[in-house]
């Protein structure tokens, strides 16, 4: 279980960081500020997120940045510990790995740039979405959803299945 979780975390982290380097620097989004990819549904739009989701708590103080880094590292450690100790099946380590890899991707951004690099903007049906996110956010979201649906040993259906082979 730990190997699968670690592998998933490394892959999630790497995909996030490579996507940011490619889009922001190689495609020069940092200077262009916006690139239509598949208009009107997908745009690359440059944004520096100093807060959490949707820019909440977006102050730019060093104390806040450090606190957000420590919170992300703490949550990652708790998720890893919980998944190793209480998880079962394949979904738990994959989901935990996605969440951890995404969180660490955003932590690295805060350490290097002082803010999280966001660039994905999706809109639909004539509604302009003002929010921007990144692949680390997608990994965190998918990991959290996966952990909600992963079988847990305390679940009677899992305990019965394990007893009955």
Protein backbone atom coordinates (compact mmCIF):
# COMPACT_ATOMS: atom_id res chain seq x y z
CA UNK A 1 0.00 0.00 0.00
CA UNK A 2 2.75 2.48 0.88
CA UNK A 3 4.54 1.93 -2.44
CA UNK A 4 1.37 2.57 -4.45
CA UNK A 5 0.59 5.68 -2.42
CA UNK A 6 4.15 7.00 -2.80
CA UNK A 7 4.21 6.26 -6.54
CA UNK A 8 0.87 8.01 -7.05
CA UNK A 9 2.06 11.01 -5.02
CA UNK A 10 5.28 11.29 -7.05
CA UNK A 11 3.40 11.03 -10.36
CA UNK A 12 0.77 13.59 -9.26
CA UNK A 13 3.48 15.96 -8.03
CA UNK A 14 5.54 15.58 -11.22
CA UNK A 15 2.58 16.06 -13.59
CA UNK A 16 1.58 19.20 -11.69
CA UNK A 17 5.06 20.73 -11.70
CA UNK A 18 5.79 19.82 -15.33
CA UNK A 19 2.45 21.30 -16.44
CA UNK A 20 3.23 24.55 -14.63
CA UNK A 21 6.71 24.81 -16.12
CA UNK A 22 5.41 24.03 -19.60
CA UNK A 23 2.42 26.37 -19.61
CA UNK A 24 3.74 29.26 -17.55
CA UNK A 25 7.30 29.42 -18.81
CA UNK A 26 7.64 27.46 -22.08
CA UNK A 27 4.34 28.75 -23.53
CA UNK A 28 5.18 32.11 -21.87
CA UNK A 29 1.85 32.48 -20.07
CA UNK A 30 3.67 34.52 -17.45
CA UNK A 31 4.00 37.32 -20.03
CA UNK A 32 1.03 36.62 -22.31
CA UNK A 33 -1.33 36.36 -19.30
CA UNK A 34 -3.99 34.47 -21.31
CA UNK A 35 -3.98 31.81 -24.04
CA UNK A 36 -7.12 30.43 -25.70
CA UNK A 37 -6.72 26.67 -25.80
CA UNK A 38 -10.21 25.46 -26.70
CA UNK A 39 -12.32 28.61 -26.65
CA UNK A 40 -14.67 29.24 -24.99
CA UNK A 41 -14.31 26.14 -22.80
CA UNK A 42 -10.63 26.13 -21.84
CA UNK A 43 -8.20 29.02 -21.45
CA UNK A 44 -4.83 29.27 -19.82
CA UNK A 45 -5.03 32.35 -17.60
CA UNK A 46 -2.10 33.37 -15.40
CA UNK A 47 -2.86 33.76 -11.72
CA UNK A 48 -0.83 33.77 -8.52
CA UNK A 49 -2.87 32.40 -5.63
CA UNK A 50 -1.62 33.67 -2.28
CA UNK A 51 -4.53 32.10 -0.40
CA UNK A 52 -6.43 28.84 -0.57
CA UNK A 53 -9.18 27.71 -2.95
CA UNK A 54 -10.88 30.49 -4.90
CA UNK A 55 -8.36 32.98 -3.51
CA UNK A 56 -9.80 32.86 0.03
CA UNK A 57 -7.45 34.22 2.71
CA UNK A 58 -5.27 35.72 0.01
CA UNK A 59 -3.05 37.95 2.06
CA UNK A 60 0.59 38.07 1.07
CA UNK A 61 2.28 37.96 4.45
CA UNK A 62 5.17 35.63 5.20
CA UNK A 63 3.36 34.35 8.29
CA UNK A 64 0.32 33.34 6.23
CA UNK A 65 2.46 31.69 3.54
CA UNK A 66 4.34 29.71 6.19
CA UNK A 67 1.08 28.74 7.90
CA UNK A 68 -0.43 27.49 4.62
CA UNK A 69 2.72 25.45 3.92
CA UNK A 70 2.65 23.91 7.41
CA UNK A 71 -1.08 23.14 7.16
CA UNK A 72 -0.61 21.41 3.79
CA UNK A 73 2.33 19.40 5.11
CA UNK A 74 0.38 18.47 8.26
CA UNK A 75 -2.67 17.36 6.30
CA UNK A 76 -0.45 15.34 3.96
CA UNK A 77 1.19 13.59 6.91
CA UNK A 78 -2.17 12.82 8.54
CA UNK A 79 -3.61 11.46 5.28
CA UNK A 80 -0.52 9.27 4.71
CA UNK A 81 -0.60 7.94 8.27
CA UNK A 82 -4.33 7.27 8.12
CA UNK A 83 -4.14 5.57 4.70
CA UNK A 84 -1.28 3.31 5.84
CA UNK A 85 -2.98 2.42 9.08
CA UNK A 86 -6.66 2.22 8.15
CA UNK A 87 -6.91 2.03 4.38
CA UNK A 88 -7.76 -1.03 2.37
CA UNK A 89 -8.04 -1.93 -1.29
CA UNK A 90 -6.36 -0.03 -4.13
CA UNK A 91 -8.50 3.10 -4.09
CA UNK A 92 -7.24 4.29 -0.70
CA UNK A 93 -3.50 4.50 -1.56
CA UNK A 94 -4.21 5.98 -5.00
CA UNK A 95 -6.58 8.61 -3.58
CA UNK A 96 -4.22 9.42 -0.70
CA UNK A 97 -1.30 9.66 -3.13
CA UNK A 98 -3.21 12.06 -5.39
CA UNK A 99 -4.10 14.29 -2.44
CA UNK A 100 -0.55 14.26 -1.08
CA UNK A 101 1.09 14.80 -4.48
CA UNK A 102 -1.20 17.74 -5.24
CA UNK A 103 -0.67 19.29 -1.83
CA UNK A 104 3.11 18.98 -2.15
CA UNK A 105 2.98 20.52 -5.64
CA UNK A 106 1.27 23.59 -4.23
CA UNK A 107 3.68 23.66 -1.28
CA UNK A 108 6.64 23.73 -3.67
CA UNK A 109 5.04 26.66 -5.53
CA UNK A 110 4.71 28.60 -2.27
CA UNK A 111 8.34 27.86 -1.41
CA UNK A 112 9.68 28.87 -4.86
CA UNK A 113 7.33 31.66 -5.96
CA UNK A 114 5.66 32.74 -2.72
CA UNK A 115 2.26 31.78 -4.18
CA UNK A 116 0.57 28.90 -5.96
CA UNK A 117 0.75 28.98 -9.76
CA UNK A 118 -2.74 28.69 -11.27
CA UNK A 119 -3.45 28.65 -14.99
CA UNK A 120 -6.50 26.54 -15.90
CA UNK A 121 -9.75 28.39 -16.55
CA UNK A 122 -12.84 26.55 -17.74
CA UNK A 123 -16.10 28.17 -18.79
CA UNK A 124 -19.24 26.88 -20.42
CA UNK A 125 -22.54 27.78 -21.88
CA UNK A 126 -22.03 31.54 -22.01
CA UNK A 127 -21.06 31.74 -18.34
CA UNK A 128 -17.57 33.20 -17.81
CA UNK A 129 -15.87 31.45 -14.89
CA UNK A 130 -13.57 33.88 -13.04
CA UNK A 131 -11.71 31.16 -11.12
CA UNK A 132 -8.38 29.64 -12.10
CA UNK A 133 -6.84 26.42 -10.81
CA UNK A 134 -4.04 23.95 -11.55
CA UNK A 135 -3.51 20.20 -11.84
CA UNK A 136 -2.47 19.96 -8.18
CA UNK A 137 -5.94 21.24 -7.28
CA UNK A 138 -7.48 18.57 -9.53
CA UNK A 139 -5.36 15.88 -7.84
CA UNK A 140 -6.35 17.13 -4.36
CA UNK A 141 -10.03 17.15 -5.33
CA UNK A 142 -9.92 13.67 -6.90
CA UNK A 143 -7.95 12.34 -3.94
CA UNK A 144 -10.46 13.70 -1.43
CA UNK A 145 -13.40 12.27 -3.40
CA UNK A 146 -11.58 8.95 -3.72
CA UNK A 147 -10.97 8.79 0.04
CA UNK A 148 -14.66 9.42 0.68
CA UNK A 149 -15.61 6.42 -1.47
CA UNK A 150 -12.73 4.11 -0.57
CA UNK A 151 -13.62 1.05 1.50
CA UNK A 152 -12.69 1.35 5.15
CA UNK A 153 -12.00 -1.57 7.50
CA UNK A 154 -14.61 -0.27 9.97
CA UNK A 155 -17.24 -0.57 7.23
CA UNK A 156 -19.22 -3.78 7.97
CA UNK A 157 -19.28 -4.71 4.28
CA UNK A 158 -15.47 -4.62 4.16
CA UNK A 159 -15.13 -6.57 7.43
CA UNK A 160 -17.61 -9.20 6.18
CA UNK A 161 -15.84 -9.48 2.83
CA UNK A 162 -12.45 -9.85 4.53
CA UNK A 163 -13.78 -12.57 6.86
CA UNK A 164 -15.43 -14.48 4.06
CA UNK A 165 -12.45 -14.25 1.76
